[in-house]
């Protein structure tokens, strides 16, 4: 039961990491770059994709059109303070982001950011693992599980951690390759 729950948590962490690094910019525009930027919407923070339509105009423009015109300034402010590193320009009801080609320095900066994000997710995974190992130790101390079950559970947990770390490494490598080769 505990192992299955841990497996699901590890899978969710991998998915969250993947979704977060989708927002890291390559030279090609994609709506994922701005979808999850938090916008102050009537006193609460909402993802941009919940308050505006986002479209791409090739080769390098993202067009954002808030559904409520009152949110234009909030959307623009959220974009300015985001980690995208581009300045939004407003044209009527639309906000446009012109994505210049990435410099070598910016690419290297993004690769470092992705590495730091991966490490954050690894720390979260270890914290969940340590908490679970503590619960297993308590069950063993209370004689609810045998020593064999305890060691088997620890082995299963380590396999899940190892697999999750491999997944994070693969996702990081794909995104860094995409950034460096764009």
C-alpha atoms as a PDB file:
ATOM      1  CA  UNK A   1       0.000   0.000   0.000  1.00  0.00           C
ATOM      2  CA  UNK A   2       2.721   2.469   1.028  1.00  0.00           C
ATOM      3  CA  UNK A   3       4.918   1.407  -1.893  1.00  0.00           C
ATOM      4  CA  UNK A   4       2.130   1.951  -4.432  1.00  0.00           C
ATOM      5  CA  UNK A   5       1.460   5.412  -2.989  1.00  0.00           C
ATOM      6  CA  UNK A   6       5.186   6.217  -3.212  1.00  0.00           C
ATOM      7  CA  UNK A   7       5.298   4.984  -6.805  1.00  0.00           C
ATOM      8  CA  UNK A   8       2.429   7.343  -7.689  1.00  0.00           C
ATOM      9  CA  UNK A   9       4.102  10.266  -5.905  1.00  0.00           C
ATOM     10  CA  UNK A  10       7.380   9.598  -7.738  1.00  0.00           C
ATOM     11  CA  UNK A  11       5.534   9.444 -11.069  1.00  0.00           C
ATOM     12  CA  UNK A  12       3.772  12.730 -10.305  1.00  0.00           C
ATOM     13  CA  UNK A  13       7.114  14.373  -9.444  1.00  0.00           C
ATOM     14  CA  UNK A  14       8.531  13.257 -12.816  1.00  0.00           C
ATOM     15  CA  UNK A  15       5.464  14.620 -14.617  1.00  0.00           C
ATOM     16  CA  UNK A  16       5.661  17.915 -12.714  1.00  0.00           C
ATOM     17  CA  UNK A  17       9.343  18.266 -13.622  1.00  0.00           C
ATOM     18  CA  UNK A  18       8.597  17.549 -17.274  1.00  0.00           C
ATOM     19  CA  UNK A  19       5.773  20.104 -17.320  1.00  0.00           C
ATOM     20  CA  UNK A  20       7.968  22.695 -15.645  1.00  0.00           C
ATOM     21  CA  UNK A  21      10.855  22.320 -18.072  1.00  0.00           C
ATOM     22  CA  UNK A  22       8.457  22.594 -21.018  1.00  0.00           C
ATOM     23  CA  UNK A  23       8.316  26.257 -20.040  1.00  0.00           C
ATOM     24  CA  UNK A  24      12.035  26.677 -20.698  1.00  0.00           C
ATOM     25  CA  UNK A  25      12.561  28.424 -23.945  1.00  0.00           C
ATOM     26  CA  UNK A  26      14.183  27.134 -27.093  1.00  0.00           C
ATOM     27  CA  UNK A  27      14.489  29.140 -30.307  1.00  0.00           C
ATOM     28  CA  UNK A  28      11.121  27.791 -31.488  1.00  0.00           C
ATOM     29  CA  UNK A  29       8.071  29.411 -29.879  1.00  0.00           C
ATOM     30  CA  UNK A  30       5.610  27.152 -28.078  1.00  0.00           C
ATOM     31  CA  UNK A  31       2.577  27.922 -25.932  1.00  0.00           C
ATOM     32  CA  UNK A  32       4.111  25.829 -23.123  1.00  0.00           C
ATOM     33  CA  UNK A  33       6.553  28.689 -22.528  1.00  0.00           C
ATOM     34  CA  UNK A  34       3.787  30.869 -21.095  1.00  0.00           C
ATOM     35  CA  UNK A  35       0.931  28.481 -20.206  1.00  0.00           C
ATOM     36  CA  UNK A  36       1.836  28.159 -16.535  1.00  0.00           C
ATOM     37  CA  UNK A  37       3.019  31.691 -15.808  1.00  0.00           C
ATOM     38  CA  UNK A  38       0.995  32.864 -12.804  1.00  0.00           C
ATOM     39  CA  UNK A  39      -1.182  35.927 -13.395  1.00  0.00           C
ATOM     40  CA  UNK A  40      -2.793  38.009 -10.647  1.00  0.00           C
ATOM     41  CA  UNK A  41      -6.429  37.504 -11.563  1.00  0.00           C
ATOM     42  CA  UNK A  42      -8.900  39.289  -9.271  1.00  0.00           C
ATOM     43  CA  UNK A  43      -6.777  38.726  -6.170  1.00  0.00           C
ATOM     44  CA  UNK A  44      -5.665  35.139  -6.814  1.00  0.00           C
ATOM     45  CA  UNK A  45      -2.905  33.667  -8.954  1.00  0.00           C
ATOM     46  CA  UNK A  46      -4.060  31.716 -11.995  1.00  0.00           C
ATOM     47  CA  UNK A  47      -2.061  30.091 -14.808  1.00  0.00           C
ATOM     48  CA  UNK A  48      -2.027  32.227 -17.944  1.00  0.00           C
ATOM     49  CA  UNK A  49      -3.747  29.477 -19.936  1.00  0.00           C
ATOM     50  CA  UNK A  50      -6.811  29.892 -17.655  1.00  0.00           C
ATOM     51  CA  UNK A  51      -7.218  33.620 -18.339  1.00  0.00           C
ATOM     52  CA  UNK A  52      -6.143  34.081 -21.951  1.00  0.00           C
ATOM     53  CA  UNK A  53      -5.841  32.431 -25.323  1.00  0.00           C
ATOM     54  CA  UNK A  54      -2.291  31.810 -26.469  1.00  0.00           C
ATOM     55  CA  UNK A  55      -1.265  31.324 -30.079  1.00  0.00           C
ATOM     56  CA  UNK A  56       1.911  31.134 -32.117  1.00  0.00           C
ATOM     57  CA  UNK A  57       2.763  33.192 -35.144  1.00  0.00           C
ATOM     58  CA  UNK A  58       5.793  31.710 -36.822  1.00  0.00           C
ATOM     59  CA  UNK A  59       8.698  32.122 -36.887  1.00  0.00           C
ATOM     60  CA  UNK A  60       9.140  33.682 -33.437  1.00  0.00           C
ATOM     61  CA  UNK A  61       6.044  35.381 -31.970  1.00  0.00           C
ATOM     62  CA  UNK A  62       3.707  34.304 -29.175  1.00  0.00           C
ATOM     63  CA  UNK A  63       0.366  36.125 -29.138  1.00  0.00           C
ATOM     64  CA  UNK A  64      -1.602  36.333 -25.890  1.00  0.00           C
ATOM     65  CA  UNK A  65      -5.137  37.638 -25.801  1.00  0.00           C
ATOM     66  CA  UNK A  66      -6.744  37.844 -22.327  1.00  0.00           C
ATOM     67  CA  UNK A  67     -10.427  36.946 -22.292  1.00  0.00           C
ATOM     68  CA  UNK A  68     -11.123  39.886 -20.000  1.00  0.00           C
ATOM     69  CA  UNK A  69      -9.591  43.197 -21.109  1.00  0.00           C
ATOM     70  CA  UNK A  70      -9.235  44.256 -17.459  1.00  0.00           C
ATOM     71  CA  UNK A  71      -6.497  41.627 -17.081  1.00  0.00           C
ATOM     72  CA  UNK A  72      -4.197  42.986 -19.807  1.00  0.00           C
ATOM     73  CA  UNK A  73      -1.966  44.879 -17.338  1.00  0.00           C
ATOM     74  CA  UNK A  74      -1.790  41.889 -14.955  1.00  0.00           C
ATOM     75  CA  UNK A  75      -0.861  39.549 -17.815  1.00  0.00           C
ATOM     76  CA  UNK A  76       1.765  41.963 -19.109  1.00  0.00           C
ATOM     77  CA  UNK A  77       3.255  42.381 -15.620  1.00  0.00           C
ATOM     78  CA  UNK A  78       3.372  38.591 -15.094  1.00  0.00           C
ATOM     79  CA  UNK A  79       5.173  38.155 -18.426  1.00  0.00           C
ATOM     80  CA  UNK A  80       7.680  40.906 -17.593  1.00  0.00           C
ATOM     81  CA  UNK A  81       8.555  39.319 -14.241  1.00  0.00           C
ATOM     82  CA  UNK A  82       8.745  35.757 -15.629  1.00  0.00           C
ATOM     83  CA  UNK A  83      12.008  33.965 -16.347  1.00  0.00           C
ATOM     84  CA  UNK A  84      11.465  34.206 -20.124  1.00  0.00           C
ATOM     85  CA  UNK A  85      13.767  37.189 -20.454  1.00  0.00           C
ATOM     86  CA  UNK A  86      11.662  38.950 -23.107  1.00  0.00           C
ATOM     87  CA  UNK A  87       9.707  42.189 -22.988  1.00  0.00           C
ATOM     88  CA  UNK A  88       6.034  41.936 -23.956  1.00  0.00           C
ATOM     89  CA  UNK A  89       4.526  44.553 -26.253  1.00  0.00           C
ATOM     90  CA  UNK A  90       0.860  45.454 -26.196  1.00  0.00           C
ATOM     91  CA  UNK A  91      -1.081  45.991 -29.414  1.00  0.00           C
ATOM     92  CA  UNK A  92      -4.720  46.702 -28.665  1.00  0.00           C
ATOM     93  CA  UNK A  93      -6.217  43.694 -26.887  1.00  0.00           C
ATOM     94  CA  UNK A  94      -3.204  41.509 -27.668  1.00  0.00           C
ATOM     95  CA  UNK A  95       0.138  41.097 -26.003  1.00  0.00           C
ATOM     96  CA  UNK A  96       2.948  39.928 -28.244  1.00  0.00           C
ATOM     97  CA  UNK A  97       6.194  38.299 -27.237  1.00  0.00           C
ATOM     98  CA  UNK A  98       8.932  38.486 -29.848  1.00  0.00           C
ATOM     99  CA  UNK A  99      11.442  35.729 -29.164  1.00  0.00           C
ATOM    100  CA  UNK A 100      14.913  36.655 -30.332  1.00  0.00           C
ATOM    101  CA  UNK A 101      17.358  33.851 -31.092  1.00  0.00           C
ATOM    102  CA  UNK A 102      18.991  32.551 -27.920  1.00  0.00           C
ATOM    103  CA  UNK A 103      22.563  33.624 -27.290  1.00  0.00           C
ATOM    104  CA  UNK A 104      25.137  31.048 -26.231  1.00  0.00           C
ATOM    105  CA  UNK A 105      25.191  32.600 -22.741  1.00  0.00           C
ATOM    106  CA  UNK A 106      21.401  32.395 -22.397  1.00  0.00           C
ATOM    107  CA  UNK A 107      21.411  28.768 -23.568  1.00  0.00           C
ATOM    108  CA  UNK A 108      24.015  27.898 -20.939  1.00  0.00           C
ATOM    109  CA  UNK A 109      22.010  29.793 -18.314  1.00  0.00           C
ATOM    110  CA  UNK A 110      18.871  27.817 -19.214  1.00  0.00           C
ATOM    111  CA  UNK A 111      20.773  24.520 -19.031  1.00  0.00           C
ATOM    112  CA  UNK A 112      21.979  25.443 -15.525  1.00  0.00           C
ATOM    113  CA  UNK A 113      18.424  26.377 -14.501  1.00  0.00           C
ATOM    114  CA  UNK A 114      17.126  23.020 -15.705  1.00  0.00           C
ATOM    115  CA  UNK A 115      19.850  21.245 -13.733  1.00  0.00           C
ATOM    116  CA  UNK A 116      18.885  23.200 -10.610  1.00  0.00           C
ATOM    117  CA  UNK A 117      15.201  22.359 -11.123  1.00  0.00           C
ATOM    118  CA  UNK A 118      16.057  18.676 -11.505  1.00  0.00           C
ATOM    119  CA  UNK A 119      17.974  18.789  -8.236  1.00  0.00           C
ATOM    120  CA  UNK A 120      14.948  20.392  -6.502  1.00  0.00           C
ATOM    121  CA  UNK A 121      12.779  17.507  -7.666  1.00  0.00           C
ATOM    122  CA  UNK A 122      15.385  14.959  -6.557  1.00  0.00           C
ATOM    123  CA  UNK A 123      15.407  16.540  -3.093  1.00  0.00           C
ATOM    124  CA  UNK A 124      11.607  16.308  -2.956  1.00  0.00           C
ATOM    125  CA  UNK A 125      11.813  12.650  -3.960  1.00  0.00           C
ATOM    126  CA  UNK A 126      14.378  11.938  -1.242  1.00  0.00           C
ATOM    127  CA  UNK A 127      12.224  13.688   1.363  1.00  0.00           C
ATOM    128  CA  UNK A 128       9.214  11.548   0.429  1.00  0.00           C
ATOM    129  CA  UNK A 129      11.415   8.438   0.477  1.00  0.00           C
ATOM    130  CA  UNK A 130      12.836   9.259   3.907  1.00  0.00           C
ATOM    131  CA  UNK A 131       9.353   9.846   5.314  1.00  0.00           C
ATOM    132  CA  UNK A 132       8.192   6.501   3.911  1.00  0.00           C
ATOM    133  CA  UNK A 133      11.242   4.687   5.289  1.00  0.00           C
ATOM    134  CA  UNK A 134      10.402   6.178   8.692  1.00  0.00           C
ATOM    135  CA  UNK A 135       6.845   4.815   8.429  1.00  0.00           C
ATOM    136  CA  UNK A 136       8.180   1.376   7.486  1.00  0.00           C
ATOM    137  CA  UNK A 137      10.561   1.450  10.466  1.00  0.00           C
ATOM    138  CA  UNK A 138       7.639   2.342  12.759  1.00  0.00           C
ATOM    139  CA  UNK A 139       5.597  -0.566  11.403  1.00  0.00           C
ATOM    140  CA  UNK A 140       8.559  -2.880  11.981  1.00  0.00           C
ATOM    141  CA  UNK A 141       9.078  -1.549  15.524  1.00  0.00           C
ATOM    142  CA  UNK A 142       5.390  -2.162  16.274  1.00  0.00           C
ATOM    143  CA  UNK A 143       5.798  -5.709  14.912  1.00  0.00           C
ATOM    144  CA  UNK A 144       3.227  -5.009  12.158  1.00  0.00           C
ATOM    145  CA  UNK A 145       5.650  -6.219   9.476  1.00  0.00           C
ATOM    146  CA  UNK A 146       8.466  -8.761   9.514  1.00  0.00           C
ATOM    147  CA  UNK A 147      12.139  -8.009   8.952  1.00  0.00           C
ATOM    148  CA  UNK A 148      11.924  -9.606   5.482  1.00  0.00           C
ATOM    149  CA  UNK A 149       9.014  -7.322   4.560  1.00  0.00           C
ATOM    150  CA  UNK A 150      10.973  -4.328   5.857  1.00  0.00           C
ATOM    151  CA  UNK A 151      14.011  -5.117   3.693  1.00  0.00           C
ATOM    152  CA  UNK A 152      11.857  -5.994   0.687  1.00  0.00           C
ATOM    153  CA  UNK A 153      10.037  -2.656   1.049  1.00  0.00           C
ATOM    154  CA  UNK A 154      13.342  -0.776   1.265  1.00  0.00           C
ATOM    155  CA  UNK A 155      14.570  -2.516  -1.905  1.00  0.00           C
ATOM    156  CA  UNK A 156      11.345  -1.636  -3.743  1.00  0.00           C
ATOM    157  CA  UNK A 157      11.597   1.981  -2.634  1.00  0.00           C
ATOM    158  CA  UNK A 158      15.208   2.248  -3.812  1.00  0.00           C
ATOM    159  CA  UNK A 159      14.236   0.763  -7.207  1.00  0.00           C
ATOM    160  CA  UNK A 160      11.502   3.386  -7.560  1.00  0.00           C
ATOM    161  CA  UNK A 161      13.916   6.200  -6.590  1.00  0.00           C
ATOM    162  CA  UNK A 162      16.493   4.903  -9.071  1.00  0.00           C
ATOM    163  CA  UNK A 163      13.908   4.693 -11.876  1.00  0.00           C
ATOM    164  CA  UNK A 164      12.576   8.175 -11.082  1.00  0.00           C
ATOM    165  CA  UNK A 165      16.082   9.636 -11.110  1.00  0.00           C
ATOM    166  CA  UNK A 166      16.720   8.011 -14.508  1.00  0.00           C
ATOM    167  CA  UNK A 167      13.488   9.532 -15.813  1.00  0.00           C
ATOM    168  CA  UNK A 168      14.500  12.979 -14.530  1.00  0.00           C
ATOM    169  CA  UNK A 169      17.947  12.583 -16.160  1.00  0.00           C
ATOM    170  CA  UNK A 170      16.407  11.596 -19.495  1.00  0.00           C
ATOM    171  CA  UNK A 171      13.966  14.520 -19.415  1.00  0.00           C
ATOM    172  CA  UNK A 172      16.781  16.921 -18.514  1.00  0.00           C
ATOM    173  CA  UNK A 173      19.001  15.612 -21.316  1.00  0.00           C
ATOM    174  CA  UNK A 174      16.228  15.894 -23.925  1.00  0.00           C
ATOM    175  CA  UNK A 175      15.459  19.483 -22.962  1.00  0.00           C
ATOM    176  CA  UNK A 176      19.101  20.583 -22.734  1.00  0.00           C
ATOM    177  CA  UNK A 177      19.824  19.006 -26.139  1.00  0.00           C
ATOM    178  CA  UNK A 178      16.787  20.811 -27.537  1.00  0.00           C
ATOM    179  CA  UNK A 179      18.032  24.138 -26.115  1.00  0.00           C
ATOM    180  CA  UNK A 180      21.677  23.738 -27.113  1.00  0.00           C
ATOM    181  CA  UNK A 181      20.850  22.565 -30.646  1.00  0.00           C
ATOM    182  CA  UNK A 182      18.234  25.244 -31.370  1.00  0.00           C
END
